[in-house]
Amino acid sequence: MKKILILLCFTITFVSCKNDQNKKVKTAEIKFTKEGELTLFKASGDEVITIDIEFAETDYERETGLMHRTSMEDNQGMLFIFSTEFPRSFYMKNTYIPLDIIYLDEQKKIVSFQENAVPLNEAGLPSEIPAMYVLEVNAGLAEKWLLEIGDTISFSKTK
């Protein structure tokens, strides 16, 4: 009887584990949620463009960023907001969209760029200069918009 119970337990365990291996977990696609608008300005004060943005303000939002997303429109971006100015470094772990990473100081002035960040690359992409804000947009837009060190942003929340 003891052998039958052991054999039964082994069979149940083996079958249930085997079935779990064949199951595929489907996750919901993360959609862009407009939380505000951001306008980029040349150092001269001329407006470059206004885009819709999501904010990354909590630790979780900043750690997750644009991970696991498969697309983003050219008129969208994510603005990371930190409480202090500090040298920053981002990476592209679990990020499928090529990005331009734009670092800004406390006065919302561009201090450095990391353009055309490669999806899924876990190498650090440093700000080189202390930054308090970081704007992520689709790769190639910083060049298309002719952004330069010293250009600025302003933003507002819609919620």
N, C-alpha and C. Protein backbone atom coordinates (compact mmCIF):
# COMPACT_ATOMS: atom_id res chain seq x y z
N MET A 1 0.83 -1.20 0.00
CA MET A 1 0.00 0.00 0.00
C MET A 1 0.87 1.26 0.00
N LYS A 2 1.94 1.22 0.80
CA LYS A 2 2.85 2.36 0.89
C LYS A 2 3.49 2.65 -0.47
N LYS A 3 3.87 1.57 -1.18
CA LYS A 3 4.48 1.73 -2.51
C LYS A 3 3.48 2.35 -3.50
N ILE A 4 2.23 1.97 -3.39
CA ILE A 4 1.21 2.51 -4.28
C ILE A 4 1.01 4.00 -4.01
N LEU A 5 1.01 4.41 -2.76
CA LEU A 5 0.86 5.83 -2.42
C LEU A 5 2.05 6.64 -2.93
N ILE A 6 3.24 6.10 -2.77
CA ILE A 6 4.45 6.80 -3.26
C ILE A 6 4.38 6.92 -4.78
N LEU A 7 4.01 5.83 -5.46
CA LEU A 7 3.90 5.85 -6.91
C LEU A 7 2.82 6.84 -7.36
N LEU A 8 1.71 6.88 -6.67
CA LEU A 8 0.63 7.81 -6.98
C LEU A 8 1.09 9.26 -6.82
N CYS A 9 1.74 9.57 -5.70
CA CYS A 9 2.26 10.93 -5.47
C CYS A 9 3.27 11.33 -6.55
N PHE A 10 4.17 10.42 -6.91
CA PHE A 10 5.16 10.70 -7.93
C PHE A 10 4.47 10.98 -9.27
N THR A 11 3.48 10.18 -9.63
CA THR A 11 2.76 10.34 -10.89
C THR A 11 2.03 11.68 -10.94
N ILE A 12 1.35 12.04 -9.86
CA ILE A 12 0.63 13.32 -9.81
C ILE A 12 1.60 14.49 -9.94
N THR A 13 2.71 14.43 -9.23
CA THR A 13 3.71 15.50 -9.29
C THR A 13 4.29 15.62 -10.68
N PHE A 14 4.66 14.48 -11.28
CA PHE A 14 5.26 14.50 -12.61
C PHE A 14 4.29 15.04 -13.64
N VAL A 15 3.07 14.60 -13.63
CA VAL A 15 2.07 15.04 -14.60
C VAL A 15 1.76 16.52 -14.43
N SER A 16 1.60 16.99 -13.19
CA SER A 16 1.27 18.40 -12.98
C SER A 16 2.43 19.30 -13.38
N CYS A 17 3.65 18.88 -13.13
CA CYS A 17 4.81 19.70 -13.54
C CYS A 17 4.93 19.73 -15.06
N LYS A 18 4.69 18.59 -15.68
CA LYS A 18 4.79 18.52 -17.14
C LYS A 18 3.75 19.44 -17.79
N ASN A 19 2.54 19.45 -17.27
CA ASN A 19 1.49 20.29 -17.83
C ASN A 19 1.81 21.77 -17.66
N ASP A 20 2.42 22.17 -16.53
CA ASP A 20 2.78 23.56 -16.30
C ASP A 20 3.80 24.06 -17.31
N GLN A 21 4.67 23.16 -17.78
CA GLN A 21 5.70 23.57 -18.73
C GLN A 21 5.10 23.95 -20.08
N ASN A 22 3.94 23.40 -20.40
CA ASN A 22 3.33 23.67 -21.69
C ASN A 22 2.46 24.91 -21.69
N LYS A 23 2.20 25.49 -20.53
CA LYS A 23 1.37 26.68 -20.44
C LYS A 23 2.19 27.91 -20.75
N LYS A 24 1.62 28.79 -21.54
CA LYS A 24 2.29 30.05 -21.85
C LYS A 24 1.55 31.17 -21.14
N VAL A 25 2.31 31.99 -20.45
CA VAL A 25 1.71 33.11 -19.75
C VAL A 25 1.63 34.28 -20.71
N LYS A 26 0.44 34.81 -20.89
CA LYS A 26 0.26 35.95 -21.78
C LYS A 26 0.06 37.19 -20.93
N THR A 27 0.92 38.18 -21.14
CA THR A 27 0.80 39.43 -20.39
C THR A 27 0.13 40.48 -21.26
N ALA A 28 -0.59 41.35 -20.62
CA ALA A 28 -1.27 42.42 -21.34
C ALA A 28 -0.26 43.45 -21.82
N GLU A 29 -0.46 43.94 -23.03
CA GLU A 29 0.42 44.97 -23.57
C GLU A 29 0.23 46.26 -22.78
N ILE A 30 1.33 46.92 -22.46
CA ILE A 30 1.27 48.17 -21.72
C ILE A 30 1.00 49.29 -22.72
N LYS A 31 -0.07 50.00 -22.51
CA LYS A 31 -0.46 51.09 -23.41
C LYS A 31 -0.01 52.44 -22.85
N PHE A 32 0.25 53.37 -23.74
CA PHE A 32 0.62 54.73 -23.35
C PHE A 32 -0.59 55.40 -22.70
N THR A 33 -0.35 56.08 -21.59
CA THR A 33 -1.40 56.84 -20.91
C THR A 33 -0.95 58.28 -20.80
N LYS A 34 -1.62 59.17 -21.50
CA LYS A 34 -1.25 60.59 -21.45
C LYS A 34 -1.52 61.13 -20.04
N GLU A 35 -0.46 61.65 -19.41
CA GLU A 35 -0.58 62.25 -18.08
C GLU A 35 -0.24 63.73 -18.09
N GLY A 36 0.28 64.20 -19.23
CA GLY A 36 0.64 65.59 -19.33
C GLY A 36 1.19 65.93 -20.70
N GLU A 37 1.64 67.17 -20.82
CA GLU A 37 2.26 67.65 -22.06
C GLU A 37 3.61 68.27 -21.74
N LEU A 38 4.53 68.12 -22.66
CA LEU A 38 5.88 68.66 -22.50
C LEU A 38 6.23 69.42 -23.77
N THR A 39 6.77 70.61 -23.59
CA THR A 39 7.21 71.42 -24.73
C THR A 39 8.72 71.60 -24.66
N LEU A 40 9.36 71.38 -25.78
CA LEU A 40 10.80 71.59 -25.92
C LEU A 40 11.03 72.95 -26.55
N PHE A 41 12.02 73.68 -26.03
CA PHE A 41 12.37 75.01 -26.54
C PHE A 41 13.85 75.07 -26.86
N LYS A 42 14.19 75.79 -27.92
CA LYS A 42 15.59 76.10 -28.20
C LYS A 42 16.08 77.07 -27.12
N ALA A 43 17.38 77.16 -26.94
CA ALA A 43 17.96 78.08 -25.96
C ALA A 43 17.50 79.52 -26.23
N SER A 44 17.21 79.83 -27.48
CA SER A 44 16.74 81.17 -27.86
C SER A 44 15.32 81.45 -27.39
N GLY A 45 14.61 80.39 -26.97
CA GLY A 45 13.22 80.55 -26.54
C GLY A 45 12.21 80.09 -27.58
N ASP A 46 12.66 79.79 -28.79
CA ASP A 46 11.75 79.32 -29.85
C ASP A 46 11.24 77.92 -29.52
N GLU A 47 9.94 77.72 -29.70
CA GLU A 47 9.34 76.41 -29.43
C GLU A 47 9.74 75.42 -30.52
N VAL A 48 10.12 74.21 -30.10
CA VAL A 48 10.48 73.15 -31.04
C VAL A 48 9.27 72.26 -31.30
N ILE A 49 8.69 71.71 -30.23
CA ILE A 49 7.56 70.78 -30.37
C ILE A 49 6.92 70.57 -29.01
N THR A 50 5.64 70.20 -29.03
CA THR A 50 4.94 69.78 -27.81
C THR A 50 4.52 68.34 -27.99
N ILE A 51 4.79 67.51 -26.98
CA ILE A 51 4.46 66.09 -27.03
C ILE A 51 3.64 65.69 -25.81
N ASP A 52 2.95 64.56 -25.91
CA ASP A 52 2.24 63.97 -24.79
C ASP A 52 3.24 63.14 -23.98
N ILE A 53 3.09 63.17 -22.66
CA ILE A 53 4.03 62.41 -21.83
C ILE A 53 3.33 61.64 -20.72
N GLU A 54 4.03 60.60 -20.31
CA GLU A 54 3.73 59.88 -19.08
C GLU A 54 4.81 60.30 -18.10
N PHE A 55 4.48 60.30 -16.82
CA PHE A 55 5.45 60.65 -15.79
C PHE A 55 5.94 59.40 -15.07
N ALA A 56 7.21 59.39 -14.74
CA ALA A 56 7.81 58.36 -13.90
C ALA A 56 8.33 59.09 -12.66
N GLU A 57 7.53 59.06 -11.58
CA GLU A 57 7.86 59.83 -10.38
C GLU A 57 8.14 58.97 -9.16
N THR A 58 7.56 57.77 -9.10
CA THR A 58 7.79 56.89 -7.95
C THR A 58 8.99 55.99 -8.26
N ASP A 59 9.53 55.37 -7.23
CA ASP A 59 10.65 54.45 -7.45
C ASP A 59 10.26 53.37 -8.46
N TYR A 60 9.09 52.78 -8.29
CA TYR A 60 8.65 51.72 -9.19
C TYR A 60 8.53 52.23 -10.64
N GLU A 61 7.91 53.39 -10.82
CA GLU A 61 7.75 53.95 -12.16
C GLU A 61 9.10 54.25 -12.79
N ARG A 62 10.04 54.79 -12.00
CA ARG A 62 11.36 55.10 -12.55
C ARG A 62 12.14 53.83 -12.88
N GLU A 63 12.00 52.78 -12.06
CA GLU A 63 12.71 51.52 -12.31
C GLU A 63 12.14 50.80 -13.53
N THR A 64 10.84 50.93 -13.76
CA THR A 64 10.18 50.23 -14.86
C THR A 64 10.26 51.01 -16.16
N GLY A 65 10.03 52.32 -16.10
CA GLY A 65 10.11 53.17 -17.29
C GLY A 65 9.32 52.63 -18.46
N LEU A 66 9.96 52.52 -19.60
CA LEU A 66 9.31 52.05 -20.82
C LEU A 66 9.56 50.56 -21.09
N MET A 67 9.98 49.84 -20.06
CA MET A 67 10.22 48.40 -20.22
C MET A 67 8.96 47.69 -20.70
N HIS A 68 9.16 46.64 -21.46
CA HIS A 68 8.11 45.72 -21.91
C HIS A 68 7.13 46.33 -22.91
N ARG A 69 7.41 47.50 -23.41
CA ARG A 69 6.54 48.11 -24.42
C ARG A 69 7.13 47.82 -25.80
N THR A 70 6.24 47.70 -26.76
CA THR A 70 6.70 47.36 -28.10
C THR A 70 6.67 48.53 -29.06
N SER A 71 6.03 49.63 -28.66
CA SER A 71 5.99 50.79 -29.55
C SER A 71 5.62 52.04 -28.77
N MET A 72 5.92 53.18 -29.39
CA MET A 72 5.55 54.48 -28.85
C MET A 72 5.49 55.43 -30.04
N GLU A 73 4.50 56.30 -30.05
CA GLU A 73 4.36 57.27 -31.14
C GLU A 73 5.43 58.36 -31.02
N ASP A 74 5.73 59.03 -32.14
CA ASP A 74 6.73 60.10 -32.13
C ASP A 74 6.29 61.33 -31.34
N ASN A 75 4.99 61.46 -31.08
CA ASN A 75 4.52 62.60 -30.29
C ASN A 75 4.30 62.22 -28.83
N GLN A 76 4.99 61.15 -28.39
CA GLN A 76 4.88 60.67 -27.01
C GLN A 76 6.26 60.49 -26.40
N GLY A 77 6.30 60.54 -25.07
CA GLY A 77 7.55 60.30 -24.36
C GLY A 77 7.27 60.03 -22.89
N MET A 78 8.33 59.73 -22.16
CA MET A 78 8.23 59.54 -20.72
C MET A 78 9.22 60.47 -20.04
N LEU A 79 8.72 61.20 -19.02
CA LEU A 79 9.56 62.11 -18.26
C LEU A 79 9.78 61.54 -16.87
N PHE A 80 11.04 61.28 -16.55
CA PHE A 80 11.44 60.80 -15.23
C PHE A 80 11.75 62.01 -14.36
N ILE A 81 11.15 62.05 -13.19
CA ILE A 81 11.35 63.17 -12.29
C ILE A 81 11.99 62.66 -11.01
N PHE A 82 13.14 63.22 -10.67
CA PHE A 82 13.86 62.86 -9.45
C PHE A 82 13.79 64.04 -8.48
N SER A 83 14.00 63.79 -7.20
CA SER A 83 13.90 64.85 -6.20
C SER A 83 15.16 65.69 -6.09
N THR A 84 16.29 65.17 -6.61
CA THR A 84 17.55 65.90 -6.54
C THR A 84 18.32 65.75 -7.85
N GLU A 85 19.21 66.67 -8.05
CA GLU A 85 20.12 66.61 -9.19
C GLU A 85 21.26 65.67 -8.82
N PHE A 86 21.57 64.73 -9.70
CA PHE A 86 22.60 63.74 -9.40
C PHE A 86 23.04 63.13 -10.72
N PRO A 87 24.29 62.67 -10.84
CA PRO A 87 24.68 61.96 -12.06
C PRO A 87 23.77 60.73 -12.23
N ARG A 88 23.18 60.57 -13.37
CA ARG A 88 22.23 59.48 -13.63
C ARG A 88 22.82 58.51 -14.65
N SER A 89 22.32 57.29 -14.62
CA SER A 89 22.68 56.30 -15.63
C SER A 89 21.47 55.42 -15.88
N PHE A 90 21.07 55.31 -17.12
CA PHE A 90 19.95 54.47 -17.52
C PHE A 90 20.48 53.30 -18.33
N TYR A 91 19.67 52.26 -18.48
CA TYR A 91 20.02 51.14 -19.36
C TYR A 91 18.74 50.66 -20.03
N MET A 92 18.89 49.76 -20.98
CA MET A 92 17.77 49.35 -21.83
C MET A 92 17.25 47.94 -21.52
N LYS A 93 17.49 47.46 -20.31
CA LYS A 93 17.01 46.13 -19.93
C LYS A 93 15.49 46.06 -20.13
N ASN A 94 15.05 45.00 -20.80
CA ASN A 94 13.62 44.76 -21.06
C ASN A 94 12.94 45.90 -21.82
N THR A 95 13.72 46.71 -22.51
CA THR A 95 13.16 47.83 -23.29
C THR A 95 13.32 47.48 -24.77
N TYR A 96 12.20 47.38 -25.47
CA TYR A 96 12.19 46.91 -26.85
C TYR A 96 12.19 48.05 -27.87
N ILE A 97 12.05 49.28 -27.41
CA ILE A 97 11.98 50.43 -28.30
C ILE A 97 13.34 51.14 -28.30
N PRO A 98 13.97 51.40 -29.45
CA PRO A 98 15.18 52.22 -29.45
C PRO A 98 14.82 53.64 -29.00
N LEU A 99 15.64 54.21 -28.13
CA LEU A 99 15.30 55.50 -27.52
C LEU A 99 16.42 56.52 -27.61
N ASP A 100 16.03 57.79 -27.54
CA ASP A 100 16.95 58.88 -27.22
C ASP A 100 16.68 59.21 -25.76
N ILE A 101 17.74 59.27 -24.98
CA ILE A 101 17.63 59.58 -23.55
C ILE A 101 18.23 60.97 -23.36
N ILE A 102 17.41 61.89 -22.89
CA ILE A 102 17.80 63.30 -22.78
C ILE A 102 17.84 63.68 -21.31
N TYR A 103 19.02 64.05 -20.83
CA TYR A 103 19.22 64.41 -19.43
C TYR A 103 19.11 65.92 -19.25
N LEU A 104 18.38 66.33 -18.20
CA LEU A 104 18.15 67.76 -17.93
C LEU A 104 18.47 68.08 -16.48
N ASP A 105 18.95 69.30 -16.25
CA ASP A 105 19.30 69.72 -14.89
C ASP A 105 18.07 70.26 -14.14
N GLU A 106 18.30 70.79 -12.96
CA GLU A 106 17.23 71.30 -12.11
C GLU A 106 16.44 72.44 -12.77
N GLN A 107 17.10 73.20 -13.65
CA GLN A 107 16.43 74.30 -14.36
C GLN A 107 15.73 73.81 -15.64
N LYS A 108 15.68 72.50 -15.83
CA LYS A 108 15.04 71.87 -17.00
C LYS A 108 15.78 72.19 -18.30
N LYS A 109 17.09 72.31 -18.17
CA LYS A 109 17.96 72.59 -19.32
C LYS A 109 18.69 71.31 -19.70
N ILE A 110 18.73 71.01 -21.00
CA ILE A 110 19.42 69.81 -21.47
C ILE A 110 20.92 69.91 -21.15
N VAL A 111 21.43 68.86 -20.47
CA VAL A 111 22.85 68.83 -20.12
C VAL A 111 23.62 67.74 -20.87
N SER A 112 22.91 66.69 -21.33
CA SER A 112 23.57 65.65 -22.13
C SER A 112 22.52 64.74 -22.77
N PHE A 113 23.00 63.93 -23.72
CA PHE A 113 22.14 63.01 -24.47
C PHE A 113 22.78 61.62 -24.50
N GLN A 114 21.94 60.63 -24.65
CA GLN A 114 22.36 59.30 -25.09
C GLN A 114 21.40 58.98 -26.23
N GLU A 115 21.87 59.14 -27.45
CA GLU A 115 21.01 58.96 -28.61
C GLU A 115 21.08 57.53 -29.14
N ASN A 116 19.96 57.09 -29.71
CA ASN A 116 19.86 55.77 -30.35
C ASN A 116 20.27 54.63 -29.43
N ALA A 117 19.75 54.65 -28.21
CA ALA A 117 20.02 53.57 -27.26
C ALA A 117 19.46 52.26 -27.82
N VAL A 118 20.29 51.23 -27.76
CA VAL A 118 19.97 49.95 -28.38
C VAL A 118 19.04 49.13 -27.47
N PRO A 119 17.92 48.65 -28.01
CA PRO A 119 17.00 47.84 -27.21
C PRO A 119 17.70 46.65 -26.56
N LEU A 120 17.30 46.37 -25.31
CA LEU A 120 17.74 45.23 -24.52
C LEU A 120 19.21 45.29 -24.08
N ASN A 121 19.93 46.33 -24.43
CA ASN A 121 21.33 46.47 -24.02
C ASN A 121 21.38 46.91 -22.56
N GLU A 122 22.09 46.17 -21.73
CA GLU A 122 22.14 46.47 -20.31
C GLU A 122 23.34 47.32 -19.90
N ALA A 123 24.08 47.82 -20.88
CA ALA A 123 25.21 48.70 -20.57
C ALA A 123 24.67 50.04 -20.07
N GLY A 124 25.36 50.62 -19.09
CA GLY A 124 24.95 51.91 -18.54
C GLY A 124 25.09 53.03 -19.56
N LEU A 125 24.14 53.96 -19.53
CA LEU A 125 24.13 55.12 -20.43
C LEU A 125 24.12 56.36 -19.53
N PRO A 126 25.29 56.85 -19.14
CA PRO A 126 25.38 57.90 -18.12
C PRO A 126 25.04 59.29 -18.62
N SER A 127 24.62 60.12 -17.66
CA SER A 127 24.31 61.52 -17.97
C SER A 127 25.58 62.36 -18.11
N GLU A 128 26.68 61.93 -17.52
CA GLU A 128 27.96 62.63 -17.54
C GLU A 128 27.93 63.91 -16.69
N ILE A 129 26.77 64.51 -16.52
CA ILE A 129 26.59 65.73 -15.73
C ILE A 129 25.36 65.49 -14.85
N PRO A 130 25.33 66.02 -13.64
CA PRO A 130 24.15 65.81 -12.79
C PRO A 130 22.85 66.21 -13.49
N ALA A 131 21.83 65.38 -13.30
CA ALA A 131 20.52 65.62 -13.92
C ALA A 131 19.42 65.37 -12.89
N MET A 132 18.33 66.11 -13.03
CA MET A 132 17.17 65.94 -12.16
C MET A 132 15.97 65.38 -12.94
N TYR A 133 15.98 65.58 -14.26
CA TYR A 133 14.92 65.10 -15.14
C TYR A 133 15.56 64.30 -16.27
N VAL A 134 14.82 63.29 -16.74
CA VAL A 134 15.27 62.52 -17.90
C VAL A 134 14.06 62.32 -18.80
N LEU A 135 14.23 62.67 -20.06
CA LEU A 135 13.17 62.51 -21.05
C LEU A 135 13.56 61.40 -22.01
N GLU A 136 12.65 60.42 -22.18
CA GLU A 136 12.88 59.36 -23.15
C GLU A 136 11.87 59.52 -24.29
N VAL A 137 12.41 59.55 -25.51
CA VAL A 137 11.59 59.62 -26.73
C VAL A 137 12.15 58.61 -27.73
N ASN A 138 11.42 58.38 -28.80
CA ASN A 138 11.89 57.44 -29.82
C ASN A 138 13.25 57.87 -30.36
N ALA A 139 14.08 56.88 -30.66
CA ALA A 139 15.41 57.13 -31.21
C ALA A 139 15.32 57.95 -32.48
N GLY A 140 16.23 58.90 -32.61
CA GLY A 140 16.31 59.74 -33.80
C GLY A 140 15.59 61.07 -33.68
N LEU A 141 14.73 61.21 -32.66
CA LEU A 141 13.97 62.46 -32.54
C LEU A 141 14.83 63.62 -32.04
N ALA A 142 15.79 63.37 -31.18
CA ALA A 142 16.66 64.45 -30.72
C ALA A 142 17.38 65.09 -31.91
N GLU A 143 17.82 64.26 -32.83
CA GLU A 143 18.48 64.78 -34.04
C GLU A 143 17.47 65.46 -34.96
N LYS A 144 16.31 64.83 -35.16
CA LYS A 144 15.27 65.40 -36.03
C LYS A 144 14.83 66.77 -35.52
N TRP A 145 14.70 66.90 -34.20
CA TRP A 145 14.27 68.16 -33.61
C TRP A 145 15.42 69.15 -33.42
N LEU A 146 16.64 68.75 -33.79
CA LEU A 146 17.84 69.59 -33.69
C LEU A 146 18.10 70.05 -32.25
N LEU A 147 17.88 69.15 -31.29
CA LEU A 147 18.10 69.50 -29.89
C LEU A 147 19.59 69.62 -29.59
N GLU A 148 19.90 70.56 -28.68
CA GLU A 148 21.29 70.83 -28.30
C GLU A 148 21.38 71.03 -26.79
N ILE A 149 22.58 70.89 -26.29
CA ILE A 149 22.84 71.22 -24.89
C ILE A 149 22.40 72.67 -24.69
N GLY A 150 21.67 72.94 -23.61
CA GLY A 150 21.20 74.29 -23.33
C GLY A 150 19.74 74.53 -23.70
N ASP A 151 19.18 73.67 -24.58
CA ASP A 151 17.74 73.76 -24.88
C ASP A 151 16.98 73.38 -23.61
N THR A 152 15.72 73.76 -23.52
CA THR A 152 14.96 73.57 -22.29
C THR A 152 13.61 72.89 -22.55
N ILE A 153 12.97 72.55 -21.44
CA ILE A 153 11.61 71.99 -21.50
C ILE A 153 10.72 72.72 -20.49
N SER A 154 9.43 72.60 -20.72
CA SER A 154 8.44 72.94 -19.71
C SER A 154 7.39 71.84 -19.83
N PHE A 155 6.71 71.54 -18.73
CA PHE A 155 5.71 70.48 -18.77
C PHE A 155 4.58 70.79 -17.81
N SER A 156 3.44 70.17 -18.08
CA SER A 156 2.28 70.31 -17.19
C SER A 156 1.56 68.98 -17.14
N LYS A 157 0.90 68.74 -16.03
CA LYS A 157 0.12 67.52 -15.84
C LYS A 157 -1.32 67.79 -16.24
N THR A 158 -1.94 66.77 -16.89
CA THR A 158 -3.34 66.92 -17.29
C THR A 158 -4.29 66.27 -16.30
N LYS A 159 -3.78 65.46 -15.40
CA LYS A 159 -4.62 64.77 -14.42
C LYS A 159 -4.72 65.57 -13.14
